[in-house]
Amino acid sequence: MFDPTNDTHRLYQALSEKCDSLKKAPNFVNSIYLLYWEGSKENGKAGEKLPEYFKKTMFRKAMDRIRHVFGKAHQQDKLDTNYDQIDKATALQFIIGDSVEPQSASDWLHFQERMLILFLQELKELDDSIGKELRDGALYNGVIVDVDNKGTTFKNVKYKYWHMPLRPYKCYLDSFCKGEEVCFIAKNIIDPYDPSKSYWMAKNVQKRN
């Protein structure tokens, strides 16, 4: 999934170099971005090889925001909601548990350690997800979640490796409780307004034994 380049070895080396100041941050945070997001590029589009779920994880969002804040990437005047972006405070809270920017050398080393731990966790989860992508007619495990739509709450099914909850297909979820573990059959539906697109629904939802 990740294509090696002439810079791959150098980028991995950069991850092991101490990031103990703001001055050293660009080399570190940009290396993670280039290895993960640019490394999964396809047809000129970064991240295209990643499963849909991993394009929208908190790690991906935090990595992108930190790259702009500390990596000297192009600056943005405002967040682009089309890309589901998060602000600096939210990214830092996710990474180090504090929305305050690192100041001391120990703060920066803690930030580096946390980023590396989260990066490894993301890669491990990505590896575990291989072969578990949704396939039409296949059986999966999920959990019941509440989804708010304009003030009205509906029950949907959340599958771990899909980026959004699945609406039920020709079945009702009223008898299920939020958090209840279920099994379901994946149903792929062609978008009637745009046949080039499709979406997933949960069919034959049943309580797990």
N, C-alpha and C. Protein backbone atom coordinates (compact mmCIF):
# COMPACT_ATOMS: atom_id res chain seq x y z
N MET A 1 0.82 -1.20 0.00
CA MET A 1 0.00 0.00 0.00
C MET A 1 0.86 1.26 0.00
N PHE A 2 1.99 1.22 0.73
CA PHE A 2 2.87 2.37 0.80
C PHE A 2 4.05 2.17 -0.15
N ASP A 3 4.13 3.03 -1.14
CA ASP A 3 5.18 2.90 -2.15
C ASP A 3 6.47 3.55 -1.66
N PRO A 4 7.59 2.78 -1.65
CA PRO A 4 8.87 3.36 -1.25
C PRO A 4 9.39 4.33 -2.31
N THR A 5 10.10 5.34 -1.86
CA THR A 5 10.70 6.32 -2.76
C THR A 5 12.17 6.48 -2.39
N ASN A 6 12.86 7.32 -3.12
CA ASN A 6 14.26 7.57 -2.80
C ASN A 6 14.43 8.22 -1.44
N ASP A 7 13.36 8.85 -0.94
CA ASP A 7 13.42 9.56 0.35
C ASP A 7 12.96 8.72 1.53
N THR A 8 12.44 7.51 1.28
CA THR A 8 11.84 6.72 2.35
C THR A 8 12.81 6.49 3.52
N HIS A 9 14.04 6.09 3.23
CA HIS A 9 15.01 5.83 4.29
C HIS A 9 15.28 7.09 5.10
N ARG A 10 15.44 8.21 4.41
CA ARG A 10 15.69 9.48 5.10
C ARG A 10 14.52 9.87 5.99
N LEU A 11 13.30 9.63 5.52
CA LEU A 11 12.11 9.99 6.29
C LEU A 11 12.01 9.16 7.56
N TYR A 12 12.32 7.86 7.47
CA TYR A 12 12.30 7.02 8.66
C TYR A 12 13.39 7.44 9.64
N GLN A 13 14.54 7.83 9.12
CA GLN A 13 15.60 8.31 10.00
C GLN A 13 15.16 9.55 10.77
N ALA A 14 14.40 10.43 10.09
CA ALA A 14 13.93 11.67 10.71
C ALA A 14 13.03 11.38 11.91
N LEU A 15 12.32 10.26 11.89
CA LEU A 15 11.43 9.93 13.00
C LEU A 15 12.21 9.60 14.27
N SER A 16 13.44 9.13 14.11
CA SER A 16 14.24 8.75 15.28
C SER A 16 15.09 9.89 15.81
N GLU A 17 15.18 10.99 15.07
CA GLU A 17 15.95 12.15 15.52
C GLU A 17 15.14 12.93 16.55
N LYS A 18 15.81 13.40 17.60
CA LYS A 18 15.11 14.10 18.67
C LYS A 18 14.41 15.36 18.16
N CYS A 19 13.13 15.45 18.49
CA CYS A 19 12.35 16.65 18.17
C CYS A 19 12.09 17.36 19.49
N ASP A 20 13.06 18.18 19.92
CA ASP A 20 12.97 18.81 21.24
C ASP A 20 12.76 20.32 21.18
N SER A 21 12.33 20.80 20.00
CA SER A 21 12.06 22.24 19.87
C SER A 21 11.18 22.49 18.66
N LEU A 22 10.58 23.67 18.63
CA LEU A 22 9.76 24.07 17.49
C LEU A 22 10.58 24.09 16.21
N LYS A 23 11.85 24.44 16.33
CA LYS A 23 12.73 24.50 15.16
C LYS A 23 12.90 23.14 14.51
N LYS A 24 12.89 22.08 15.31
CA LYS A 24 13.08 20.73 14.77
C LYS A 24 11.76 20.06 14.38
N ALA A 25 10.66 20.67 14.73
CA ALA A 25 9.35 20.06 14.48
C ALA A 25 9.04 19.82 13.01
N PRO A 26 9.34 20.76 12.09
CA PRO A 26 8.98 20.56 10.68
C PRO A 26 9.52 19.25 10.10
N ASN A 27 10.76 18.93 10.39
CA ASN A 27 11.37 17.71 9.85
C ASN A 27 10.64 16.47 10.34
N PHE A 28 10.24 16.48 11.61
CA PHE A 28 9.57 15.32 12.20
C PHE A 28 8.14 15.17 11.69
N VAL A 29 7.33 16.22 11.81
CA VAL A 29 5.91 16.10 11.45
C VAL A 29 5.73 15.90 9.94
N ASN A 30 6.57 16.52 9.14
CA ASN A 30 6.46 16.34 7.70
C ASN A 30 6.86 14.94 7.27
N SER A 31 7.78 14.31 8.01
CA SER A 31 8.18 12.94 7.69
C SER A 31 7.03 11.97 7.88
N ILE A 32 6.28 12.13 8.98
CA ILE A 32 5.11 11.27 9.20
C ILE A 32 4.09 11.48 8.09
N TYR A 33 3.83 12.73 7.76
CA TYR A 33 2.86 13.04 6.70
C TYR A 33 3.29 12.42 5.37
N LEU A 34 4.56 12.57 5.01
CA LEU A 34 5.03 12.07 3.72
C LEU A 34 5.03 10.56 3.67
N LEU A 35 5.37 9.90 4.78
CA LEU A 35 5.37 8.44 4.80
C LEU A 35 3.95 7.87 4.72
N TYR A 36 3.03 8.48 5.47
CA TYR A 36 1.68 7.92 5.57
C TYR A 36 0.74 8.42 4.46
N TRP A 37 0.58 9.72 4.36
CA TRP A 37 -0.43 10.27 3.46
C TRP A 37 0.07 10.32 2.01
N GLU A 38 1.26 10.89 1.80
CA GLU A 38 1.81 10.93 0.45
C GLU A 38 2.27 9.53 0.01
N GLY A 39 2.66 8.72 0.97
CA GLY A 39 3.11 7.36 0.65
C GLY A 39 2.01 6.45 0.16
N SER A 40 0.75 6.83 0.42
CA SER A 40 -0.39 6.03 -0.05
C SER A 40 -1.07 6.71 -1.24
N LYS A 41 -0.29 7.46 -1.98
CA LYS A 41 -0.81 8.19 -3.15
C LYS A 41 -1.11 7.22 -4.30
N GLU A 42 -2.15 7.55 -5.04
CA GLU A 42 -2.49 6.78 -6.24
C GLU A 42 -3.11 7.73 -7.26
N ASN A 43 -2.67 7.61 -8.49
CA ASN A 43 -3.14 8.51 -9.56
C ASN A 43 -2.96 9.97 -9.20
N GLY A 44 -1.87 10.26 -8.51
CA GLY A 44 -1.55 11.63 -8.16
C GLY A 44 -2.31 12.19 -6.97
N LYS A 45 -3.14 11.38 -6.32
CA LYS A 45 -3.95 11.84 -5.19
C LYS A 45 -3.48 11.20 -3.90
N ALA A 46 -3.02 12.03 -2.95
CA ALA A 46 -2.51 11.52 -1.67
C ALA A 46 -3.60 10.80 -0.89
N GLY A 47 -3.22 9.70 -0.24
CA GLY A 47 -4.14 8.95 0.61
C GLY A 47 -5.13 8.08 -0.14
N GLU A 48 -5.06 8.05 -1.46
CA GLU A 48 -6.08 7.35 -2.24
C GLU A 48 -6.07 5.84 -2.02
N LYS A 49 -4.93 5.27 -1.68
CA LYS A 49 -4.84 3.82 -1.47
C LYS A 49 -5.41 3.39 -0.13
N LEU A 50 -5.59 4.33 0.78
CA LEU A 50 -6.12 3.99 2.09
C LEU A 50 -7.60 3.63 2.02
N PRO A 51 -8.05 2.65 2.82
CA PRO A 51 -9.49 2.39 2.92
C PRO A 51 -10.21 3.65 3.39
N GLU A 52 -11.49 3.78 3.03
CA GLU A 52 -12.25 4.99 3.34
C GLU A 52 -12.22 5.34 4.83
N TYR A 53 -12.29 4.33 5.69
CA TYR A 53 -12.30 4.57 7.13
C TYR A 53 -11.06 5.34 7.57
N PHE A 54 -9.90 4.98 7.01
CA PHE A 54 -8.64 5.58 7.45
C PHE A 54 -8.39 6.96 6.86
N LYS A 55 -9.21 7.36 5.92
CA LYS A 55 -9.10 8.71 5.39
C LYS A 55 -9.76 9.73 6.31
N LYS A 56 -10.51 9.25 7.31
CA LYS A 56 -11.26 10.15 8.16
C LYS A 56 -11.02 9.91 9.65
N THR A 57 -9.96 9.18 10.00
CA THR A 57 -9.68 8.93 11.42
C THR A 57 -9.16 10.19 12.10
N MET A 58 -9.23 10.21 13.43
CA MET A 58 -8.71 11.35 14.17
C MET A 58 -7.20 11.49 13.98
N PHE A 59 -6.50 10.38 13.81
CA PHE A 59 -5.07 10.47 13.57
C PHE A 59 -4.80 11.21 12.27
N ARG A 60 -5.53 10.87 11.22
CA ARG A 60 -5.31 11.52 9.93
C ARG A 60 -5.60 13.02 10.02
N LYS A 61 -6.69 13.36 10.72
CA LYS A 61 -7.06 14.77 10.86
C LYS A 61 -6.01 15.54 11.69
N ALA A 62 -5.57 14.92 12.79
CA ALA A 62 -4.59 15.57 13.65
C ALA A 62 -3.25 15.72 12.93
N MET A 63 -2.85 14.69 12.22
CA MET A 63 -1.60 14.73 11.46
C MET A 63 -1.62 15.88 10.45
N ASP A 64 -2.72 16.03 9.77
CA ASP A 64 -2.84 17.08 8.76
C ASP A 64 -2.79 18.47 9.40
N ARG A 65 -3.50 18.66 10.52
CA ARG A 65 -3.50 19.96 11.18
C ARG A 65 -2.12 20.31 11.74
N ILE A 66 -1.47 19.32 12.36
CA ILE A 66 -0.14 19.55 12.94
C ILE A 66 0.87 19.88 11.84
N ARG A 67 0.70 19.27 10.67
CA ARG A 67 1.60 19.58 9.56
C ARG A 67 1.49 21.05 9.16
N HIS A 68 0.27 21.58 9.22
CA HIS A 68 0.09 23.00 8.89
C HIS A 68 0.61 23.92 10.00
N VAL A 69 0.45 23.49 11.24
CA VAL A 69 0.84 24.34 12.37
C VAL A 69 2.36 24.33 12.60
N PHE A 70 2.95 23.12 12.63
CA PHE A 70 4.37 23.01 12.97
C PHE A 70 5.26 22.64 11.78
N GLY A 71 4.66 22.19 10.69
CA GLY A 71 5.45 21.69 9.57
C GLY A 71 5.74 22.71 8.50
N LYS A 72 5.29 23.97 8.71
CA LYS A 72 5.50 25.04 7.74
C LYS A 72 4.89 24.72 6.39
N ALA A 73 3.77 23.93 6.42
CA ALA A 73 3.03 23.69 5.20
C ALA A 73 2.25 24.96 4.86
N HIS A 74 1.57 24.97 3.71
CA HIS A 74 0.84 26.18 3.32
C HIS A 74 -0.17 26.55 4.40
N GLN A 75 -0.25 27.82 4.71
CA GLN A 75 -1.14 28.29 5.77
C GLN A 75 -2.57 28.48 5.24
N GLN A 76 -3.53 28.25 6.11
CA GLN A 76 -4.93 28.39 5.73
C GLN A 76 -5.58 29.44 6.64
N ASP A 77 -6.42 30.26 6.06
CA ASP A 77 -7.11 31.28 6.85
C ASP A 77 -8.24 30.67 7.67
N LYS A 78 -8.83 29.60 7.16
CA LYS A 78 -9.94 28.97 7.88
C LYS A 78 -9.97 27.48 7.54
N LEU A 79 -10.67 26.73 8.36
CA LEU A 79 -10.78 25.30 8.13
C LEU A 79 -11.68 25.03 6.94
N ASP A 80 -11.33 24.00 6.19
CA ASP A 80 -12.15 23.59 5.04
C ASP A 80 -13.04 22.44 5.50
N THR A 81 -14.30 22.72 5.75
CA THR A 81 -15.21 21.70 6.29
C THR A 81 -15.47 20.58 5.29
N ASN A 82 -15.20 20.81 4.02
CA ASN A 82 -15.37 19.75 3.03
C ASN A 82 -14.41 18.59 3.28
N TYR A 83 -13.30 18.88 3.96
CA TYR A 83 -12.31 17.85 4.24
C TYR A 83 -12.34 17.43 5.71
N ASP A 84 -13.38 17.83 6.43
CA ASP A 84 -13.58 17.39 7.80
C ASP A 84 -12.35 17.71 8.65
N GLN A 85 -11.84 18.93 8.55
CA GLN A 85 -10.64 19.31 9.26
C GLN A 85 -10.93 19.70 10.71
N ILE A 86 -9.89 19.61 11.55
CA ILE A 86 -10.00 20.01 12.95
C ILE A 86 -9.01 21.14 13.22
N ASP A 87 -9.23 21.87 14.31
CA ASP A 87 -8.34 22.99 14.63
C ASP A 87 -7.14 22.50 15.45
N LYS A 88 -6.19 23.41 15.70
CA LYS A 88 -4.95 23.07 16.40
C LYS A 88 -5.22 22.55 17.80
N ALA A 89 -6.11 23.21 18.54
CA ALA A 89 -6.39 22.80 19.91
C ALA A 89 -6.93 21.38 19.97
N THR A 90 -7.83 21.03 19.05
CA THR A 90 -8.41 19.68 19.02
C THR A 90 -7.34 18.66 18.66
N ALA A 91 -6.47 19.01 17.72
CA ALA A 91 -5.40 18.10 17.32
C ALA A 91 -4.44 17.83 18.47
N LEU A 92 -4.04 18.89 19.18
CA LEU A 92 -3.13 18.73 20.31
C LEU A 92 -3.77 17.95 21.45
N GLN A 93 -5.04 18.20 21.69
CA GLN A 93 -5.75 17.47 22.74
C GLN A 93 -5.76 15.98 22.43
N PHE A 94 -5.95 15.62 21.18
CA PHE A 94 -5.94 14.22 20.76
C PHE A 94 -4.55 13.61 20.93
N ILE A 95 -3.52 14.36 20.59
CA ILE A 95 -2.15 13.82 20.59
C ILE A 95 -1.56 13.75 22.00
N ILE A 96 -1.58 14.88 22.72
CA ILE A 96 -0.88 14.93 24.01
C ILE A 96 -1.81 15.12 25.21
N GLY A 97 -3.13 15.22 24.94
CA GLY A 97 -4.07 15.38 26.04
C GLY A 97 -4.12 16.79 26.59
N ASP A 98 -3.61 17.75 25.84
CA ASP A 98 -3.57 19.15 26.27
C ASP A 98 -3.61 20.03 25.04
N SER A 99 -4.44 21.05 25.04
CA SER A 99 -4.58 21.93 23.88
C SER A 99 -3.51 23.00 23.81
N VAL A 100 -2.63 23.04 24.83
CA VAL A 100 -1.56 24.05 24.86
C VAL A 100 -0.36 23.55 24.05
N GLU A 101 0.16 24.42 23.22
CA GLU A 101 1.30 24.09 22.36
C GLU A 101 2.54 23.76 23.20
N PRO A 102 3.34 22.75 22.81
CA PRO A 102 4.57 22.42 23.56
C PRO A 102 5.50 23.62 23.67
N GLN A 103 6.16 23.74 24.82
CA GLN A 103 7.06 24.86 25.06
C GLN A 103 8.49 24.39 25.33
N SER A 104 8.67 23.59 26.35
CA SER A 104 10.00 23.17 26.76
C SER A 104 10.48 21.98 25.92
N ALA A 105 11.76 21.64 26.07
CA ALA A 105 12.32 20.49 25.35
C ALA A 105 11.59 19.21 25.74
N SER A 106 11.28 19.06 27.03
CA SER A 106 10.57 17.85 27.48
C SER A 106 9.16 17.80 26.92
N ASP A 107 8.52 18.96 26.78
CA ASP A 107 7.19 19.02 26.15
C ASP A 107 7.25 18.49 24.73
N TRP A 108 8.26 18.94 23.99
CA TRP A 108 8.39 18.53 22.59
C TRP A 108 8.73 17.05 22.46
N LEU A 109 9.55 16.55 23.34
CA LEU A 109 9.88 15.12 23.30
C LEU A 109 8.66 14.27 23.63
N HIS A 110 7.84 14.76 24.55
CA HIS A 110 6.58 14.07 24.86
C HIS A 110 5.66 14.09 23.65
N PHE A 111 5.57 15.22 22.97
CA PHE A 111 4.79 15.34 21.75
C PHE A 111 5.28 14.35 20.70
N GLN A 112 6.59 14.24 20.51
CA GLN A 112 7.15 13.31 19.54
C GLN A 112 6.81 11.86 19.89
N GLU A 113 6.96 11.54 21.17
CA GLU A 113 6.66 10.18 21.62
C GLU A 113 5.20 9.82 21.36
N ARG A 114 4.30 10.75 21.69
CA ARG A 114 2.87 10.50 21.49
C ARG A 114 2.53 10.35 20.00
N MET A 115 3.13 11.19 19.17
CA MET A 115 2.88 11.09 17.73
C MET A 115 3.33 9.74 17.18
N LEU A 116 4.48 9.27 17.63
CA LEU A 116 4.99 7.98 17.16
C LEU A 116 4.12 6.82 17.63
N ILE A 117 3.65 6.91 18.88
CA ILE A 117 2.75 5.87 19.40
C ILE A 117 1.46 5.83 18.59
N LEU A 118 0.88 6.98 18.33
CA LEU A 118 -0.36 7.05 17.56
C LEU A 118 -0.14 6.59 16.12
N PHE A 119 1.00 6.93 15.55
CA PHE A 119 1.33 6.51 14.19
C PHE A 119 1.41 4.99 14.11
N LEU A 120 2.10 4.38 15.07
CA LEU A 120 2.22 2.92 15.09
C LEU A 120 0.86 2.26 15.31
N GLN A 121 0.04 2.85 16.18
CA GLN A 121 -1.31 2.30 16.41
C GLN A 121 -2.14 2.35 15.14
N GLU A 122 -2.01 3.47 14.40
CA GLU A 122 -2.77 3.60 13.16
C GLU A 122 -2.32 2.57 12.13
N LEU A 123 -1.02 2.35 12.02
CA LEU A 123 -0.49 1.36 11.09
C LEU A 123 -0.93 -0.05 11.48
N LYS A 124 -0.94 -0.32 12.80
CA LYS A 124 -1.38 -1.65 13.28
C LYS A 124 -2.85 -1.87 12.94
N GLU A 125 -3.68 -0.85 13.18
CA GLU A 125 -5.11 -0.99 12.87
C GLU A 125 -5.32 -1.12 11.37
N LEU A 126 -4.53 -0.40 10.60
CA LEU A 126 -4.62 -0.49 9.15
C LEU A 126 -4.27 -1.90 8.69
N ASP A 127 -3.23 -2.47 9.26
CA ASP A 127 -2.83 -3.84 8.92
C ASP A 127 -3.91 -4.84 9.31
N ASP A 128 -4.52 -4.63 10.48
CA ASP A 128 -5.59 -5.53 10.94
C ASP A 128 -6.83 -5.45 10.05
N SER A 129 -7.02 -4.30 9.39
CA SER A 129 -8.24 -4.09 8.60
C SER A 129 -8.17 -4.73 7.21
N ILE A 130 -6.98 -5.14 6.78
CA ILE A 130 -6.82 -5.69 5.44
C ILE A 130 -7.67 -6.95 5.28
N GLY A 131 -8.48 -6.97 4.25
CA GLY A 131 -9.38 -8.09 4.00
C GLY A 131 -10.72 -7.97 4.71
N LYS A 132 -10.91 -6.87 5.46
CA LYS A 132 -12.16 -6.68 6.20
C LYS A 132 -13.02 -5.57 5.62
N GLU A 133 -12.68 -5.11 4.41
CA GLU A 133 -13.49 -4.09 3.77
C GLU A 133 -14.87 -4.66 3.43
N LEU A 134 -15.86 -3.78 3.35
CA LEU A 134 -17.23 -4.22 3.07
C LEU A 134 -17.33 -4.83 1.68
N ARG A 135 -18.02 -5.98 1.61
CA ARG A 135 -18.31 -6.64 0.34
C ARG A 135 -19.80 -6.97 0.30
N ASP A 136 -20.41 -6.74 -0.81
CA ASP A 136 -21.85 -6.94 -0.95
C ASP A 136 -22.22 -8.39 -0.66
N GLY A 137 -23.18 -8.57 0.27
CA GLY A 137 -23.66 -9.90 0.61
C GLY A 137 -22.88 -10.61 1.69
N ALA A 138 -21.80 -10.00 2.18
CA ALA A 138 -20.98 -10.63 3.22
C ALA A 138 -21.51 -10.27 4.61
N LEU A 139 -21.24 -11.15 5.57
CA LEU A 139 -21.70 -10.98 6.95
C LEU A 139 -20.64 -10.29 7.79
N TYR A 140 -21.08 -9.31 8.61
CA TYR A 140 -20.15 -8.55 9.44
C TYR A 140 -20.74 -8.35 10.83
N ASN A 141 -19.87 -7.99 11.78
CA ASN A 141 -20.29 -7.60 13.12
C ASN A 141 -20.27 -6.08 13.23
N GLY A 142 -21.22 -5.53 13.98
CA GLY A 142 -21.29 -4.10 14.17
C GLY A 142 -21.89 -3.76 15.52
N VAL A 143 -22.17 -2.51 15.73
CA VAL A 143 -22.77 -2.06 16.98
C VAL A 143 -23.81 -0.99 16.67
N ILE A 144 -24.88 -0.98 17.42
CA ILE A 144 -25.95 0.00 17.22
C ILE A 144 -25.51 1.37 17.75
N VAL A 145 -25.70 2.40 16.94
CA VAL A 145 -25.37 3.77 17.35
C VAL A 145 -26.55 4.68 17.06
N ASP A 146 -26.62 5.79 17.78
CA ASP A 146 -27.63 6.81 17.53
C ASP A 146 -27.06 7.86 16.59
N VAL A 147 -27.83 8.22 15.59
CA VAL A 147 -27.41 9.25 14.63
C VAL A 147 -28.45 10.36 14.65
N ASP A 148 -27.98 11.58 14.86
CA ASP A 148 -28.88 12.73 14.89
C ASP A 148 -28.98 13.36 13.50
N ASN A 149 -30.19 13.53 13.03
CA ASN A 149 -30.44 14.15 11.73
C ASN A 149 -31.46 15.27 11.91
N LYS A 150 -30.95 16.50 11.99
CA LYS A 150 -31.81 17.68 12.11
C LYS A 150 -32.73 17.58 13.32
N GLY A 151 -32.17 17.13 14.44
CA GLY A 151 -32.92 17.07 15.69
C GLY A 151 -33.66 15.78 15.93
N THR A 152 -33.69 14.90 14.94
CA THR A 152 -34.34 13.60 15.09
C THR A 152 -33.28 12.51 15.18
N THR A 153 -33.43 11.62 16.16
CA THR A 153 -32.44 10.56 16.36
C THR A 153 -32.89 9.26 15.72
N PHE A 154 -31.99 8.67 14.95
CA PHE A 154 -32.25 7.39 14.30
C PHE A 154 -31.19 6.39 14.74
N LYS A 155 -31.52 5.11 14.73
CA LYS A 155 -30.56 4.05 15.03
C LYS A 155 -29.95 3.55 13.71
N ASN A 156 -28.62 3.49 13.72
CA ASN A 156 -27.87 2.96 12.58
C ASN A 156 -26.91 1.89 13.09
N VAL A 157 -26.21 1.26 12.19
CA VAL A 157 -25.22 0.25 12.54
C VAL A 157 -23.82 0.78 12.21
N LYS A 158 -22.92 0.75 13.20
CA LYS A 158 -21.54 1.19 12.98
C LYS A 158 -20.65 -0.02 12.77
N TYR A 159 -19.96 -0.02 11.61
CA TYR A 159 -18.97 -1.05 11.32
C TYR A 159 -17.58 -0.44 11.51
N LYS A 160 -16.73 -1.12 12.22
CA LYS A 160 -15.44 -0.56 12.65
C LYS A 160 -14.62 -0.01 11.50
N TYR A 161 -14.65 -0.69 10.36
CA TYR A 161 -13.78 -0.29 9.26
C TYR A 161 -14.51 0.44 8.14
N TRP A 162 -15.60 1.11 8.49
CA TRP A 162 -16.26 2.00 7.53
C TRP A 162 -16.43 3.36 8.19
N HIS A 163 -16.28 4.42 7.41
CA HIS A 163 -16.15 5.76 7.98
C HIS A 163 -17.45 6.38 8.45
N MET A 164 -18.59 5.79 8.16
CA MET A 164 -19.85 6.35 8.63
C MET A 164 -20.84 5.23 8.94
N PRO A 165 -21.80 5.49 9.86
CA PRO A 165 -22.79 4.48 10.21
C PRO A 165 -23.63 4.06 9.00
N LEU A 166 -24.10 2.82 9.03
CA LEU A 166 -24.90 2.27 7.94
C LEU A 166 -26.38 2.32 8.31
N ARG A 167 -27.17 2.86 7.40
CA ARG A 167 -28.62 2.86 7.61
C ARG A 167 -29.16 1.45 7.38
N PRO A 168 -30.23 1.08 8.07
CA PRO A 168 -30.80 -0.25 7.88
C PRO A 168 -31.48 -0.39 6.52
N TYR A 169 -31.37 -1.55 5.93
CA TYR A 169 -31.99 -1.83 4.63
C TYR A 169 -33.16 -2.80 4.82
N LYS A 170 -34.38 -2.29 4.63
CA LYS A 170 -35.60 -3.09 4.72
C LYS A 170 -35.71 -3.84 6.05
N CYS A 171 -35.30 -3.19 7.13
CA CYS A 171 -35.46 -3.75 8.46
C CYS A 171 -35.53 -2.60 9.46
N TYR A 172 -36.00 -2.88 10.66
CA TYR A 172 -36.17 -1.84 11.67
C TYR A 172 -35.25 -2.11 12.86
N LEU A 173 -34.74 -1.04 13.44
CA LEU A 173 -33.81 -1.17 14.55
C LEU A 173 -34.39 -0.67 15.87
N ASP A 174 -35.70 -0.40 15.90
CA ASP A 174 -36.32 0.16 17.10
C ASP A 174 -36.16 -0.72 18.34
N SER A 175 -36.08 -2.02 18.14
CA SER A 175 -36.01 -2.94 19.29
C SER A 175 -34.58 -3.07 19.83
N PHE A 176 -33.63 -2.47 19.14
CA PHE A 176 -32.24 -2.55 19.58
C PHE A 176 -31.88 -1.36 20.48
N CYS A 177 -30.91 -1.57 21.34
CA CYS A 177 -30.43 -0.50 22.23
C CYS A 177 -29.09 0.03 21.73
N LYS A 178 -28.84 1.30 22.00
CA LYS A 178 -27.55 1.89 21.66
C LYS A 178 -26.42 1.11 22.33
N GLY A 179 -25.40 0.77 21.56
CA GLY A 179 -24.28 0.01 22.07
C GLY A 179 -24.42 -1.49 21.95
N GLU A 180 -25.60 -1.96 21.53
CA GLU A 180 -25.84 -3.39 21.40
C GLU A 180 -25.07 -3.95 20.21
N GLU A 181 -24.42 -5.09 20.41
CA GLU A 181 -23.64 -5.73 19.35
C GLU A 181 -24.56 -6.54 18.44
N VAL A 182 -24.38 -6.36 17.14
CA VAL A 182 -25.24 -7.02 16.17
C VAL A 182 -24.39 -7.61 15.04
N CYS A 183 -25.02 -8.42 14.22
CA CYS A 183 -24.41 -8.87 12.98
C CYS A 183 -25.34 -8.42 11.85
N PHE A 184 -24.78 -8.23 10.66
CA PHE A 184 -25.57 -7.74 9.54
C PHE A 184 -24.94 -8.18 8.22
N ILE A 185 -25.73 -8.09 7.17
CA ILE A 185 -25.23 -8.37 5.83
C ILE A 185 -25.06 -7.04 5.11
N ALA A 186 -23.90 -6.83 4.53
CA ALA A 186 -23.63 -5.58 3.82
C ALA A 186 -24.39 -5.54 2.50
N LYS A 187 -25.04 -4.41 2.26
CA LYS A 187 -25.82 -4.23 1.03
C LYS A 187 -25.33 -2.96 0.32
N ASN A 188 -24.83 -3.13 -0.89
CA ASN A 188 -24.35 -1.99 -1.67
C ASN A 188 -25.48 -1.47 -2.57
N ILE A 189 -25.76 -0.17 -2.46
CA ILE A 189 -26.87 0.44 -3.20
C ILE A 189 -26.33 1.46 -4.20
N ILE A 190 -26.74 1.34 -5.43
CA ILE A 190 -26.36 2.32 -6.44
C ILE A 190 -27.16 3.60 -6.24
N ASP A 191 -26.47 4.72 -6.23
CA ASP A 191 -27.12 6.01 -6.05
C ASP A 191 -28.03 6.29 -7.25
N PRO A 192 -29.35 6.41 -7.02
CA PRO A 192 -30.27 6.64 -8.14
C PRO A 192 -30.07 7.99 -8.84
N TYR A 193 -29.45 8.93 -8.12
CA TYR A 193 -29.22 10.26 -8.70
C TYR A 193 -27.89 10.35 -9.43
N ASP A 194 -27.00 9.41 -9.12
CA ASP A 194 -25.70 9.38 -9.78
C ASP A 194 -25.21 7.94 -9.82
N PRO A 195 -25.54 7.21 -10.90
CA PRO A 195 -25.21 5.78 -11.00
C PRO A 195 -23.71 5.46 -10.90
N SER A 196 -22.86 6.48 -10.99
CA SER A 196 -21.42 6.23 -10.87
C SER A 196 -21.02 6.08 -9.41
N LYS A 197 -21.96 6.38 -8.47
CA LYS A 197 -21.68 6.30 -7.05
C LYS A 197 -22.56 5.25 -6.38
N SER A 198 -22.15 4.82 -5.22
CA SER A 198 -22.95 3.86 -4.45
C SER A 198 -22.72 4.11 -2.96
N TYR A 199 -23.54 3.49 -2.12
CA TYR A 199 -23.38 3.62 -0.68
C TYR A 199 -23.76 2.29 -0.03
N TRP A 200 -23.37 2.14 1.24
CA TRP A 200 -23.59 0.88 1.94
C TRP A 200 -24.72 0.99 2.96
N MET A 201 -25.47 -0.11 3.09
CA MET A 201 -26.52 -0.21 4.10
C MET A 201 -26.38 -1.55 4.82
N ALA A 202 -27.07 -1.68 5.95
CA ALA A 202 -27.01 -2.90 6.76
C ALA A 202 -28.31 -3.68 6.59
N LYS A 203 -28.20 -4.89 6.11
CA LYS A 203 -29.36 -5.74 5.83
C LYS A 203 -29.42 -6.89 6.84
N ASN A 204 -30.65 -7.32 7.16
CA ASN A 204 -30.84 -8.47 8.07
C ASN A 204 -30.09 -8.29 9.39
N VAL A 205 -30.27 -7.15 10.02
CA VAL A 205 -29.59 -6.87 11.29
C VAL A 205 -30.16 -7.75 12.40
N GLN A 206 -29.28 -8.46 13.09
CA GLN A 206 -29.71 -9.36 14.15
C GLN A 206 -28.77 -9.24 15.34
N LYS A 207 -29.31 -9.51 16.52
CA LYS A 207 -28.51 -9.49 17.74
C LYS A 207 -27.47 -10.59 17.71
N ARG A 208 -26.24 -10.26 18.13
CA ARG A 208 -25.19 -11.27 18.18
C ARG A 208 -25.41 -12.20 19.36
N ASN A 209 -25.21 -13.48 19.14
CA ASN A 209 -25.37 -14.47 20.21
C ASN A 209 -24.11 -14.53 21.06
